[in-house]
C-alpha atoms as a PDB file:
ATOM      1  CA  MET A   1      -0.162   0.028   0.243  1.00  0.00           C
ATOM      2  CA  ASP A   2       2.870   2.355   0.626  1.00  0.00           C
ATOM      3  CA  GLU A   3       4.233   1.923  -2.883  1.00  0.00           C
ATOM      4  CA  LEU A   4       0.969   2.706  -4.350  1.00  0.00           C
ATOM      5  CA  LEU A   5       0.426   6.009  -2.284  1.00  0.00           C
ATOM      6  CA  ARG A   6       4.092   6.945  -3.314  1.00  0.00           C
ATOM      7  CA  GLU A   7       3.137   6.128  -6.832  1.00  0.00           C
ATOM      8  CA  ILE A   8       0.106   8.162  -6.847  1.00  0.00           C
ATOM      9  CA  ALA A   9       1.769  11.032  -5.007  1.00  0.00           C
ATOM     10  CA  ALA A  10       4.368  11.344  -7.882  1.00  0.00           C
ATOM     11  CA  GLU A  11       1.942  10.958 -10.561  1.00  0.00           C
ATOM     12  CA  LYS A  12      -0.212  13.862  -8.895  1.00  0.00           C
ATOM     13  CA  GLU A  13       2.591  15.862  -9.009  1.00  0.00           C
ATOM     14  CA  GLN A  14       3.383  15.356 -12.523  1.00  0.00           C
ATOM     15  CA  ILE A  15      -0.078  16.330 -13.128  1.00  0.00           C
ATOM     16  CA  SER A  16       0.062  19.248 -11.230  1.00  0.00           C
ATOM     17  CA  GLN A  17       3.147  20.228 -13.030  1.00  0.00           C
ATOM     18  CA  THR A  18       1.665  19.673 -16.325  1.00  0.00           C
ATOM     19  CA  LEU A  19      -1.363  21.644 -15.288  1.00  0.00           C
ATOM     20  CA  THR A  20       0.665  24.520 -14.496  1.00  0.00           C
ATOM     21  CA  ALA A  21       2.694  24.581 -17.736  1.00  0.00           C
ATOM     22  CA  LEU A  22      -0.813  24.191 -19.497  1.00  0.00           C
ATOM     23  CA  GLU A  23      -1.964  27.156 -17.660  1.00  0.00           C
ATOM     24  CA  GLU A  24       1.037  29.327 -18.808  1.00  0.00           C
ATOM     25  CA  ALA A  25       0.600  28.219 -22.378  1.00  0.00           C
ATOM     26  CA  LEU A  26      -3.048  29.199 -22.302  1.00  0.00           C
ATOM     27  CA  ASN A  27      -2.029  32.720 -20.729  1.00  0.00           C
ATOM     28  CA  ARG A  28      -0.117  33.876 -23.855  1.00  0.00           C
ATOM     29  CA  GLN A  29      -1.222  36.404 -25.930  1.00  0.00           C
ATOM     30  CA  LYS A  30      -0.010  35.336 -29.119  1.00  0.00           C
ATOM     31  CA  ARG A  31       0.173  31.553 -29.902  1.00  0.00           C
ATOM     32  CA  THR A  32       1.830  29.990 -32.638  1.00  0.00           C
ATOM     33  CA  ILE A  33       2.107  26.700 -33.854  1.00  0.00           C
ATOM     34  CA  VAL A  34       4.913  25.602 -31.277  1.00  0.00           C
ATOM     35  CA  GLU A  35       2.311  27.095 -28.409  1.00  0.00           C
ATOM     36  CA  LEU A  36      -0.247  25.155 -30.029  1.00  0.00           C
ATOM     37  CA  ALA A  37       1.268  21.999 -30.134  1.00  0.00           C
ATOM     38  CA  ALA A  38       2.830  22.537 -26.686  1.00  0.00           C
ATOM     39  CA  ILE A  39      -0.828  22.934 -25.423  1.00  0.00           C
ATOM     40  CA  ALA A  40      -1.993  19.802 -27.306  1.00  0.00           C
ATOM     41  CA  THR A  41       1.197  18.038 -25.624  1.00  0.00           C
ATOM     42  CA  PHE A  42       0.148  19.363 -22.068  1.00  0.00           C
ATOM     43  CA  LEU A  43      -3.698  17.864 -22.389  1.00  0.00           C
ATOM     44  CA  HIS A  44      -2.383  14.809 -23.735  1.00  0.00           C
ATOM     45  CA  ASN A  45       0.175  14.558 -20.866  1.00  0.00           C
ATOM     46  CA  PHE A  46      -3.034  15.258 -18.285  1.00  0.00           C
ATOM     47  CA  TYR A  47      -4.840  12.605 -19.712  1.00  0.00           C
ATOM     48  CA  ASN A  48      -2.177   9.961 -19.602  1.00  0.00           C
ATOM     49  CA  GLY A  49      -1.658  10.960 -15.803  1.00  0.00           C
ATOM     50  CA  ILE A  50      -5.010  10.384 -15.095  1.00  0.00           C
ATOM     51  CA  GLU A  51      -5.386   7.020 -16.992  1.00  0.00           C
ATOM     52  CA  ASN A  52      -1.820   6.127 -14.963  1.00  0.00           C
ATOM     53  CA  LEU A  53      -3.535   6.747 -11.573  1.00  0.00           C
ATOM     54  CA  LEU A  54      -6.405   4.787 -12.509  1.00  0.00           C
ATOM     55  CA  LYS A  55      -4.521   1.954 -13.945  1.00  0.00           C
ATOM     56  CA  ARG A  56      -2.353   1.576 -10.949  1.00  0.00           C
ATOM     57  CA  VAL A  57      -5.590   1.733  -8.530  1.00  0.00           C
ATOM     58  CA  LEU A  58      -7.186  -1.221 -10.469  1.00  0.00           C
ATOM     59  CA  GLN A  59      -3.784  -3.174 -10.522  1.00  0.00           C
ATOM     60  CA  PHE A  60      -3.602  -2.552  -6.691  1.00  0.00           C
ATOM     61  CA  LYS A  61      -7.354  -3.738  -6.594  1.00  0.00           C
ATOM     62  CA  LYS A  62      -6.697  -6.803  -8.745  1.00  0.00           C
ATOM     63  CA  VAL A  63      -8.694  -5.799 -11.192  1.00  0.00           C
ATOM     64  CA  SER A  64      -8.372  -7.023 -14.767  1.00  0.00           C
ATOM     65  CA  ILE A  65      -7.535  -4.549 -17.076  1.00  0.00           C
ATOM     66  CA  PRO A  66      -7.680  -5.009 -20.980  1.00  0.00           C
ATOM     67  CA  ASP A  67      -4.670  -4.596 -23.029  1.00  0.00           C
ATOM     68  CA  SER A  68      -5.320  -1.363 -25.183  1.00  0.00           C
END
């Protein structure tokens, strides 16, 4: 259980950093293709972070997760 809590804390920290970077990118006045690509990447990273949290909890609970 301690390992799960450490993994969750680390993932939450990564998600928090991603959301901070996303907010900074969204607040820019002028968005070039680079900023738009960064925004897309931050959204993707956020989604993956949430997905990773769910996977870890389900694995801990020994719930079968289909491969995708």
